[in-house]
Amino acid sequence: MNVDAASKTLWMGDLEPYMDECFVLQAFDSMGEPAQAVKMITNKVTGLPAGYCFVDFPDSAAALKAQLRLNGKIIPNSQPPHRFKLNSNNVKDTPRREFSLFVGDLSDEVDDFILFRAFVKKYPSCLTAKVVLDSRGHTKGYGFVRFSEETDQQKALIEMQHTSGIGRKPIRVSLATPKKRENDTATAQQAHQYKAYQDYYQAYYQQYYSNYYASTTQTPAPVPTTTYTNPADDPNLLEDPELEIDIDKYNREYMAQSEEIFEMLEDSRWHPMDQWNSNVPATAR
């Protein structure tokens, strides 16, 4: 796994007030991904739980494995049922270029870890994988895989197409495409605003985390995010590139165009000639 620069700490959010350190540790242990320590974050002003915590693991490989295996799954003994909401705490000083692939036709049993494992064993620069879930936690049948090297992305695009053994059916692979924006003319401006937004929160989070263990009461920090040089690399801004094609509509348009051609030929009064010096029919003059 490509975990040399990864953090051994995960951010965990969407916590209820009763979910304390012991509860979180027990939840990870019950799921077979034991953690070493949990730091609950409280609001500096009110002293109440801020709704998130930081979870430490023995090493970065264990943290990544826990994130990929548990993200989106039900937290044991949570009432009402809550799902693990985990994010890497990996913060880099400079933006990094990443390259994403869309992976479709995923069967229900394929989760982040299964998808990641299928790619990382062939492509060392594979950073992570994400299966997209609906509001009920069910897979939508597709996901995204991110690479740090474009060569691995391009190789996987070809070599992994229609690969079997990842779930119950062959997968479909294509380049990840950005979500459609309502106003395409504002794309450049939105990209600039997106970059500024990422830079601001990246700097804010770095400053916050430098005092990670300095105090037990901290002001809420934003969800850790990776800074992307190009917004199109962010898996949260990607969508299924497969477009629905209305075959009947295109057939109707094609036939209509064909009929227009025949009508034009008829109106032109074109007539075939037996040989090059035949008389031109009067109707064609």
Protein backbone atom coordinates (compact mmCIF):
# COMPACT_ATOMS: atom_id res chain seq x y z
CA MET A 1 0.00 0.00 0.00
CA ASN A 2 1.11 3.55 -0.73
CA VAL A 3 1.10 4.76 2.86
CA ASP A 4 4.56 6.23 3.35
CA ALA A 5 3.26 9.79 3.69
CA ALA A 6 -0.10 8.87 5.15
CA SER A 7 -1.23 9.70 8.67
CA LYS A 8 -1.93 7.10 11.33
CA THR A 9 -4.80 9.26 12.62
CA LEU A 10 -8.35 9.31 11.27
CA TRP A 11 -10.97 12.01 11.66
CA MET A 12 -14.37 10.59 12.71
CA GLY A 13 -17.48 12.72 12.47
CA ASP A 14 -21.26 12.70 12.91
CA LEU A 15 -20.98 11.60 16.55
CA GLU A 16 -23.82 11.69 19.07
CA PRO A 17 -23.20 13.13 22.58
CA TYR A 18 -23.23 9.67 24.18
CA MET A 19 -20.41 8.45 21.93
CA ASP A 20 -17.38 8.92 24.19
CA GLU A 21 -13.80 7.61 23.94
CA CYS A 22 -14.72 4.16 25.27
CA PHE A 23 -17.65 3.84 22.90
CA VAL A 24 -15.54 4.73 19.86
CA LEU A 25 -12.69 2.40 20.86
CA GLN A 26 -15.17 -0.44 21.39
CA ALA A 27 -16.80 0.26 18.02
CA PHE A 28 -13.52 -0.10 16.13
CA ASP A 29 -12.54 -3.16 18.16
CA SER A 30 -15.89 -4.83 17.43
CA MET A 31 -15.33 -4.29 13.71
CA GLY A 32 -11.90 -5.93 13.82
CA GLU A 33 -9.95 -2.69 13.40
CA PRO A 34 -8.60 -1.90 16.91
CA ALA A 35 -7.45 1.66 17.57
CA GLN A 36 -4.86 2.83 20.07
CA ALA A 37 -6.42 6.07 21.33
CA VAL A 38 -9.32 8.44 20.79
CA LYS A 39 -9.34 12.20 21.37
CA MET A 40 -12.84 13.66 21.65
CA ILE A 41 -13.17 17.32 20.67
CA THR A 42 -15.37 19.72 22.62
CA ASN A 43 -16.60 23.20 21.83
CA LYS A 44 -14.29 25.73 23.49
CA VAL A 45 -17.14 28.08 24.34
CA THR A 46 -19.89 25.71 25.50
CA GLY A 47 -17.77 22.76 26.61
CA LEU A 48 -20.18 20.41 24.81
CA PRO A 49 -19.08 17.66 22.40
CA ALA A 50 -18.30 19.08 18.97
CA GLY A 51 -19.52 15.96 17.18
CA TYR A 52 -16.19 14.62 15.99
CA CYS A 53 -12.96 13.07 17.26
CA PHE A 54 -9.52 11.88 16.20
CA VAL A 55 -8.68 8.17 16.27
CA ASP A 56 -5.08 6.95 16.46
CA PHE A 57 -3.88 3.62 15.03
CA PRO A 58 -0.57 1.76 15.36
CA ASP A 59 0.57 2.91 11.92
CA SER A 60 -0.64 4.53 8.71
CA ALA A 61 -1.40 1.17 7.07
CA ALA A 62 -3.80 0.24 9.88
CA ALA A 63 -5.48 3.66 9.67
CA LEU A 64 -5.98 3.39 5.91
CA LYS A 65 -7.32 -0.15 6.21
CA ALA A 66 -9.82 0.91 8.89
CA GLN A 67 -10.97 3.85 6.79
CA LEU A 68 -11.49 1.75 3.68
CA ARG A 69 -13.18 -1.15 5.47
CA LEU A 70 -15.49 0.77 7.81
CA ASN A 71 -16.50 3.97 6.05
CA GLY A 72 -20.26 3.94 5.53
CA LYS A 73 -20.89 0.86 7.67
CA ILE A 74 -23.16 0.86 10.74
CA ILE A 75 -21.42 1.71 14.03
CA PRO A 76 -22.00 -1.17 16.49
CA ASN A 77 -24.45 -0.38 19.33
CA SER A 78 -25.35 3.05 17.92
CA GLN A 79 -28.94 4.08 18.65
CA PRO A 80 -30.43 5.19 16.35
CA PRO A 81 -28.08 3.49 13.87
CA HIS A 82 -25.25 5.74 12.71
CA ARG A 83 -22.66 5.00 10.06
CA PHE A 84 -18.90 5.41 10.30
CA LYS A 85 -17.93 8.76 8.80
CA LEU A 86 -14.15 8.64 8.48
CA ASN A 87 -11.60 10.76 6.70
CA SER A 88 -7.85 10.66 6.44
CA ASN A 89 -6.02 13.15 8.61
CA ASN A 90 -3.26 13.40 6.03
CA VAL A 91 -2.40 17.10 5.54
CA LYS A 92 0.18 18.09 2.96
CA ASP A 93 2.06 21.37 2.77
CA THR A 94 1.64 21.66 -1.00
CA PRO A 95 -1.18 20.72 -3.37
CA ARG A 96 -0.76 17.40 -5.10
CA ARG A 97 -1.90 16.33 -8.53
CA GLU A 98 -4.06 13.24 -8.48
CA PHE A 99 -5.64 11.19 -11.25
CA SER A 100 -9.03 9.55 -10.90
CA LEU A 101 -10.85 6.70 -12.59
CA PHE A 102 -14.54 5.91 -12.55
CA VAL A 103 -15.36 2.25 -11.81
CA GLY A 104 -18.88 1.05 -12.62
CA ASP A 105 -20.95 -2.14 -12.47
CA LEU A 106 -19.95 -2.82 -8.87
CA SER A 107 -22.04 -5.47 -7.09
CA ASP A 108 -23.44 -4.93 -3.61
CA GLU A 109 -20.65 -6.63 -1.67
CA VAL A 110 -17.88 -4.40 -3.06
CA ASP A 111 -16.79 -1.78 -0.49
CA ASP A 112 -13.94 0.73 -0.42
CA PHE A 113 -11.40 -1.80 0.81
CA ILE A 114 -12.23 -4.48 -1.77
CA LEU A 115 -12.05 -1.93 -4.58
CA PHE A 116 -8.80 -0.42 -3.30
CA ARG A 117 -7.14 -3.82 -2.84
CA ALA A 118 -8.01 -4.84 -6.41
CA PHE A 119 -6.18 -1.81 -7.84
CA VAL A 120 -3.29 -1.26 -5.41
CA LYS A 121 -1.88 -4.76 -5.90
CA LYS A 122 -1.28 -3.91 -9.58
CA TYR A 123 -0.71 -0.15 -9.40
CA PRO A 124 1.51 1.00 -6.48
CA SER A 125 0.53 4.66 -6.83
CA CYS A 126 -3.12 3.90 -6.04
CA LEU A 127 -3.97 6.20 -3.12
CA THR A 128 -7.50 5.26 -2.17
CA ALA A 129 -10.87 4.05 -3.46
CA LYS A 130 -14.41 5.18 -2.74
CA VAL A 131 -17.67 3.35 -3.44
CA VAL A 132 -20.52 5.86 -3.68
CA LEU A 133 -23.42 5.19 -1.30
CA ASP A 134 -26.98 6.48 -1.21
CA SER A 135 -28.65 8.07 1.83
CA ARG A 136 -29.46 4.61 3.24
CA GLY A 137 -25.87 3.42 2.99
CA HIS A 138 -26.50 1.19 -0.03
CA THR A 139 -24.04 1.16 -2.89
CA LYS A 140 -25.02 3.01 -6.06
CA GLY A 141 -23.04 0.49 -8.09
CA TYR A 142 -20.07 2.70 -8.91
CA GLY A 143 -17.08 4.36 -7.30
CA PHE A 144 -13.78 6.14 -7.89
CA VAL A 145 -10.12 5.19 -7.58
CA ARG A 146 -7.37 7.80 -7.18
CA PHE A 147 -3.72 7.54 -8.25
CA SER A 148 -0.70 9.76 -7.67
CA GLU A 149 0.84 8.73 -11.02
CA GLU A 150 -0.86 9.35 -14.35
CA THR A 151 0.90 6.36 -15.91
CA ASP A 152 -0.83 4.00 -13.46
CA GLN A 153 -4.16 5.67 -14.15
CA GLN A 154 -3.74 5.19 -17.91
CA LYS A 155 -2.59 1.58 -17.53
CA ALA A 156 -5.50 0.75 -15.24
CA LEU A 157 -7.91 2.36 -17.71
CA ILE A 158 -6.93 -0.26 -20.26
CA GLU A 159 -5.93 -3.28 -18.19
CA MET A 160 -8.80 -3.23 -15.69
CA GLN A 161 -11.58 -2.85 -18.26
CA HIS A 162 -14.14 -5.67 -17.83
CA THR A 163 -12.01 -7.32 -15.12
CA SER A 164 -13.76 -10.15 -13.26
CA GLY A 165 -13.29 -11.15 -9.64
CA ILE A 166 -14.15 -7.79 -8.08
CA GLY A 167 -17.65 -8.62 -6.98
CA ARG A 168 -20.06 -10.78 -8.93
CA LYS A 169 -19.71 -9.17 -12.35
CA PRO A 170 -17.04 -7.60 -14.59
CA ILE A 171 -16.31 -3.97 -13.81
CA ARG A 172 -16.49 -1.01 -16.17
CA VAL A 173 -13.66 1.53 -16.11
CA SER A 174 -13.45 5.01 -17.61
CA LEU A 175 -11.95 8.40 -16.90
CA ALA A 176 -13.73 10.24 -14.11
CA THR A 177 -15.62 13.28 -15.35
CA PRO A 178 -16.50 16.42 -13.40
CA LYS A 179 -20.13 16.97 -12.45
CA LYS A 180 -22.06 19.18 -14.82
CA ARG A 181 -22.30 22.76 -13.67
CA GLU A 182 -25.41 24.86 -14.13
CA ASN A 183 -23.46 27.63 -15.81
CA ASP A 184 -20.60 26.32 -17.94
CA THR A 185 -19.41 29.85 -18.73
CA ALA A 186 -18.44 30.31 -15.08
CA THR A 187 -16.27 27.18 -14.90
CA ALA A 188 -12.95 29.06 -14.73
CA GLN A 189 -14.20 31.40 -12.02
CA GLN A 190 -15.65 28.51 -10.01
CA ALA A 191 -12.36 26.61 -10.28
CA HIS A 192 -10.53 29.64 -8.90
CA GLN A 193 -13.02 29.97 -6.04
CA TYR A 194 -12.77 26.25 -5.32
CA LYS A 195 -8.97 26.47 -5.11
CA ALA A 196 -9.18 29.49 -2.79
CA TYR A 197 -11.67 27.65 -0.58
CA GLN A 198 -9.39 24.59 -0.36
CA ASP A 199 -6.32 26.74 0.39
CA TYR A 200 -8.11 28.59 3.19
CA TYR A 201 -9.34 25.50 4.97
CA GLN A 202 -6.06 23.66 4.40
CA ALA A 203 -4.17 26.47 6.15
CA TYR A 204 -6.79 26.68 8.89
CA TYR A 205 -6.64 22.97 9.58
CA GLN A 206 -2.83 22.85 9.59
CA GLN A 207 -2.74 25.61 12.20
CA TYR A 208 -5.35 23.82 14.28
CA TYR A 209 -3.71 20.43 14.15
CA SER A 210 -0.32 21.79 15.15
CA ASN A 211 -1.85 22.06 18.64
CA TYR A 212 -3.59 18.70 18.39
CA TYR A 213 -2.81 17.52 21.91
CA ALA A 214 -2.20 20.91 23.45
CA SER A 215 -5.64 21.17 25.03
CA THR A 216 -8.67 18.97 25.67
CA THR A 217 -11.02 21.74 24.59
CA GLN A 218 -10.70 22.96 21.03
CA THR A 219 -12.84 24.91 18.62
CA PRO A 220 -14.38 22.79 15.86
CA ALA A 221 -12.06 22.16 12.94
CA PRO A 222 -13.24 21.52 9.38
CA VAL A 223 -13.25 18.03 7.94
CA PRO A 224 -9.71 17.15 6.76
CA THR A 225 -9.51 17.51 2.99
CA THR A 226 -6.95 16.93 0.29
CA THR A 227 -6.04 20.00 -1.74
CA TYR A 228 -6.49 19.37 -5.45
CA THR A 229 -4.72 21.47 -8.06
CA ASN A 230 -7.62 20.71 -10.40
CA PRO A 231 -11.17 20.49 -9.01
CA ALA A 232 -11.85 17.67 -11.50
CA ASP A 233 -9.60 15.41 -9.40
CA ASP A 234 -11.83 15.64 -6.30
CA PRO A 235 -13.97 12.46 -6.12
CA ASN A 236 -16.69 14.51 -4.44
CA LEU A 237 -17.03 16.52 -7.66
CA LEU A 238 -17.14 13.54 -9.98
CA GLU A 239 -20.05 11.66 -11.48
CA ASP A 240 -20.90 8.59 -13.49
CA PRO A 241 -19.66 9.42 -17.04
CA GLU A 242 -22.10 7.01 -18.66
CA LEU A 243 -24.76 9.05 -20.46
CA GLU A 244 -28.26 7.81 -21.18
CA ILE A 245 -28.83 7.72 -24.95
CA ASP A 246 -32.34 7.94 -26.37
CA ILE A 247 -32.03 5.52 -29.30
CA ASP A 248 -35.58 6.15 -30.54
CA LYS A 249 -34.97 9.91 -30.59
CA TYR A 250 -31.80 9.59 -32.69
CA ASN A 251 -33.47 7.14 -35.06
CA ARG A 252 -36.37 9.57 -35.59
CA GLU A 253 -33.96 12.44 -36.28
CA TYR A 254 -31.96 10.29 -38.70
CA MET A 255 -35.06 9.20 -40.61
CA ALA A 256 -36.34 12.78 -40.76
CA GLN A 257 -33.03 13.93 -42.28
CA SER A 258 -33.12 11.04 -44.75
CA GLU A 259 -36.65 11.97 -45.85
CA GLU A 260 -35.57 15.57 -46.39
CA ILE A 261 -32.78 14.40 -48.70
CA PHE A 262 -35.15 12.31 -50.80
CA GLU A 263 -37.63 15.21 -50.99
CA MET A 264 -34.86 17.55 -52.17
CA LEU A 265 -33.85 15.08 -54.87
CA GLU A 266 -37.44 14.77 -56.00
CA ASP A 267 -37.93 18.53 -56.08
CA SER A 268 -34.75 18.98 -58.12
CA ARG A 269 -36.30 16.83 -60.88
CA TRP A 270 -33.07 14.91 -61.29
CA HIS A 271 -33.30 12.23 -63.96
CA PRO A 272 -30.72 9.59 -64.89
CA MET A 273 -29.28 9.68 -68.43
CA ASP A 274 -28.57 6.64 -70.52
CA GLN A 275 -25.26 8.06 -71.74
CA TRP A 276 -23.27 11.27 -71.51
CA ASN A 277 -24.68 12.82 -74.71
CA SER A 278 -28.37 12.08 -74.00
CA ASN A 279 -30.83 14.95 -74.35
CA VAL A 280 -31.71 16.72 -71.11
CA PRO A 281 -35.40 16.12 -70.30
CA ALA A 282 -37.56 19.18 -70.50
CA THR A 283 -38.73 18.78 -66.90
CA ALA A 284 -35.15 19.15 -65.70
CA ARG A 285 -34.43 22.43 -67.54
